[in-house]
Each structure stands twice: as C-alpha cells, then as structure tokens.
Amino acid sequence: MNRQPISTPDAPAAIGTYSQAMRLGDVVYLSGQIGLDPATMALAEGFEAQAHQVFRNLGAVCRAAGGSLQDVVKLNLYLTDLTNFAKVNEIMAGYFSQPYPARAAVGVAQLPKGALVEADAVMGAGA
C-alpha cells in the first residue's frame, strides 16, 4: 500500500521530522498535536486553552484527510499533570459525541515546547 501524507495550514506545521498525518489505505494516523496556534505557532495560555487548541488542531487535520473528529477510532492523551484528567474529559465531550473513540490518558514528565497536553489519533477514512 502507498502511504499518503496529509497536511493542512489550518493546523500547526510539523516542528520535527514527521507529517501532520499519514493515510494508509482506509486508516489515517494523526501525529501528536499540542496547543499551538497554527497562525502564530505560539502555545495557548493554560491547560484549558491548550486542550481546546489541541482538539481544534486534530479536527483540522481530520478535515484535511476528508473526515472529522467523529471518525476518530483511537485517541491518546498525554498530560503533564493528571489532576487535569476530569477537565480534559469535560473539554473532550465538547468535540466528540457517543460512541466515543477508544482512548488512553497517560501522565508524562514533559511535552514539546512546554505544552501541558498533547493528543494523537487514528481515524477511519471514509468511516
């Protein structure tokens, strides 16, 4: 199968050696997104603002791949402070509807650029 890179100016440009997403057949693998504003590449202030920006960024990449957040089947969250677990659940509910994707939430020591939250996802293309 051929890999197809997915890219959009509506999400932050890659800050490393990776693509925003890759399509392989009917599956799209979305790279991790932190709370960077795609226009300024500045990190949003505070956990809640970063979490909202993360989901907006993921949504933009999903749209570039021809889907939406509702097509996400697996979501991984990385939090530098697990006391934000309930808050990220509340914020996530504003971007996803049932049935929710399978998900993991992992506590980590650090994230790129000092971010407080990061998420990556797997989307079913044409789901």
Protein backbone atom coordinates (compact mmCIF):
# COMPACT_ATOMS: atom_id res chain seq x y z
CA MET A 1 0.00 0.00 0.00
CA ASN A 2 1.07 3.54 -0.68
CA ARG A 3 1.43 5.99 2.16
CA GLN A 4 -0.10 9.40 1.54
CA PRO A 5 0.94 12.38 3.69
CA ILE A 6 -1.82 14.68 4.93
CA SER A 7 -1.07 18.34 5.53
CA THR A 8 -3.07 21.49 6.20
CA PRO A 9 -2.18 25.10 7.06
CA ASP A 10 -5.16 25.01 9.47
CA ALA A 11 -3.06 23.03 11.97
CA PRO A 12 0.45 23.83 13.19
CA ALA A 13 3.28 22.94 10.84
CA ALA A 14 5.36 19.98 11.97
CA ILE A 15 8.07 21.06 14.43
CA GLY A 16 10.14 17.95 13.76
CA THR A 17 10.73 15.13 11.33
CA TYR A 18 7.13 13.99 10.92
CA SER A 19 3.99 14.60 8.88
CA GLN A 20 0.77 16.01 10.35
CA ALA A 21 -0.84 12.71 9.34
CA MET A 22 -0.36 9.71 7.08
CA ARG A 23 -3.05 7.77 5.23
CA LEU A 24 -2.52 4.07 4.66
CA GLY A 25 -5.50 2.53 2.92
CA ASP A 26 -8.64 3.38 4.86
CA VAL A 27 -6.79 4.45 8.01
CA VAL A 28 -5.33 7.88 8.83
CA TYR A 29 -2.71 8.14 11.58
CA LEU A 30 -2.64 11.65 13.07
CA SER A 31 0.56 12.88 14.68
CA GLY A 32 0.51 14.37 18.14
CA GLN A 33 -0.87 17.88 18.42
CA ILE A 34 -0.08 20.31 21.19
CA GLY A 35 -1.87 23.59 21.85
CA LEU A 36 -0.06 25.65 19.20
CA ASP A 37 -1.99 28.28 17.28
CA PRO A 38 -1.37 27.41 13.61
CA ALA A 39 -1.21 31.08 12.57
CA THR A 40 1.34 32.21 15.16
CA MET A 41 2.89 28.90 16.29
CA ALA A 42 2.50 30.26 19.84
CA LEU A 43 1.37 27.96 22.64
CA ALA A 44 -2.03 28.80 24.14
CA GLU A 45 -2.01 30.01 27.75
CA GLY A 46 -3.08 27.49 30.39
CA PHE A 47 -4.37 23.94 30.35
CA GLU A 48 -7.93 24.59 29.18
CA ALA A 49 -6.91 26.84 26.29
CA GLN A 50 -4.27 24.32 25.23
CA ALA A 51 -6.72 21.41 25.38
CA HIS A 52 -9.24 23.27 23.20
CA GLN A 53 -6.49 24.13 20.70
CA VAL A 54 -5.31 20.50 20.63
CA PHE A 55 -8.79 19.32 19.61
CA ARG A 56 -9.16 22.15 17.06
CA ASN A 57 -5.80 21.16 15.56
CA LEU A 58 -6.73 17.47 15.42
CA GLY A 59 -10.06 18.41 13.83
CA ALA A 60 -8.29 20.46 11.15
CA VAL A 61 -6.07 17.51 10.23
CA CYS A 62 -9.10 15.19 10.18
CA ARG A 63 -10.86 17.57 7.77
CA ALA A 64 -7.75 17.71 5.56
CA ALA A 65 -7.94 13.92 5.39
CA GLY A 66 -11.61 14.04 4.39
CA GLY A 67 -13.08 13.22 7.78
CA SER A 68 -13.87 14.72 11.16
CA LEU A 69 -13.23 14.09 14.83
CA GLN A 70 -16.31 11.84 14.75
CA ASP A 71 -14.31 9.43 12.53
CA VAL A 72 -11.57 9.03 15.17
CA VAL A 73 -11.48 5.47 16.48
CA LYS A 74 -8.47 5.76 18.83
CA LEU A 75 -7.25 8.77 20.79
CA ASN A 76 -4.18 9.02 23.00
CA LEU A 77 -3.88 11.87 25.50
CA TYR A 78 -0.67 12.88 27.22
CA LEU A 79 -0.95 15.09 30.31
CA THR A 80 1.87 16.61 32.32
CA ASP A 81 -0.48 16.80 35.32
CA LEU A 82 -3.03 14.03 35.81
CA THR A 83 -5.12 16.28 38.07
CA ASN A 84 -6.35 17.71 34.74
CA PHE A 85 -7.93 14.35 33.84
CA ALA A 86 -11.50 15.41 34.72
CA LYS A 87 -11.08 18.74 32.93
CA VAL A 88 -9.83 17.11 29.71
CA ASN A 89 -12.82 14.73 29.82
CA GLU A 90 -15.15 17.73 30.09
CA ILE A 91 -13.42 19.55 27.22
CA MET A 92 -13.28 16.42 25.07
CA ALA A 93 -17.06 15.99 25.41
CA GLY A 94 -17.46 19.27 23.52
CA TYR A 95 -15.60 17.88 20.48
CA PHE A 96 -16.72 14.23 20.38
CA SER A 97 -20.07 12.51 20.66
CA GLN A 98 -21.01 8.94 21.54
CA PRO A 99 -19.81 6.43 20.74
CA TYR A 100 -16.54 7.96 21.91
CA PRO A 101 -13.26 6.70 20.46
CA ALA A 102 -11.15 4.19 22.33
CA ARG A 103 -8.74 6.22 24.44
CA ALA A 104 -5.70 6.23 26.66
CA ALA A 105 -4.65 9.05 29.00
CA VAL A 106 -1.05 8.95 30.09
CA GLY A 107 0.83 11.10 32.59
CA VAL A 108 4.15 12.32 31.23
CA ALA A 109 7.01 14.37 32.67
CA GLN A 110 7.34 16.80 29.75
CA LEU A 111 5.94 17.65 26.34
CA PRO A 112 7.43 19.63 23.44
CA LYS A 113 7.62 23.41 23.88
CA GLY A 114 6.47 23.10 27.50
CA ALA A 115 2.95 22.04 26.48
CA LEU A 116 0.59 20.76 29.16
CA VAL A 117 -1.40 18.38 26.94
CA GLU A 118 -0.88 16.52 23.67
CA ALA A 119 -3.10 14.16 21.70
CA ASP A 120 -2.62 11.86 18.72
CA ALA A 121 -5.28 9.81 16.99
CA VAL A 122 -6.21 7.15 14.49
CA MET A 123 -9.07 7.92 12.11
CA GLY A 124 -11.06 5.62 9.90
CA ALA A 125 -11.01 7.30 6.47
CA GLY A 126 -14.44 7.35 4.91
CA ALA A 127 -15.93 5.85 8.06
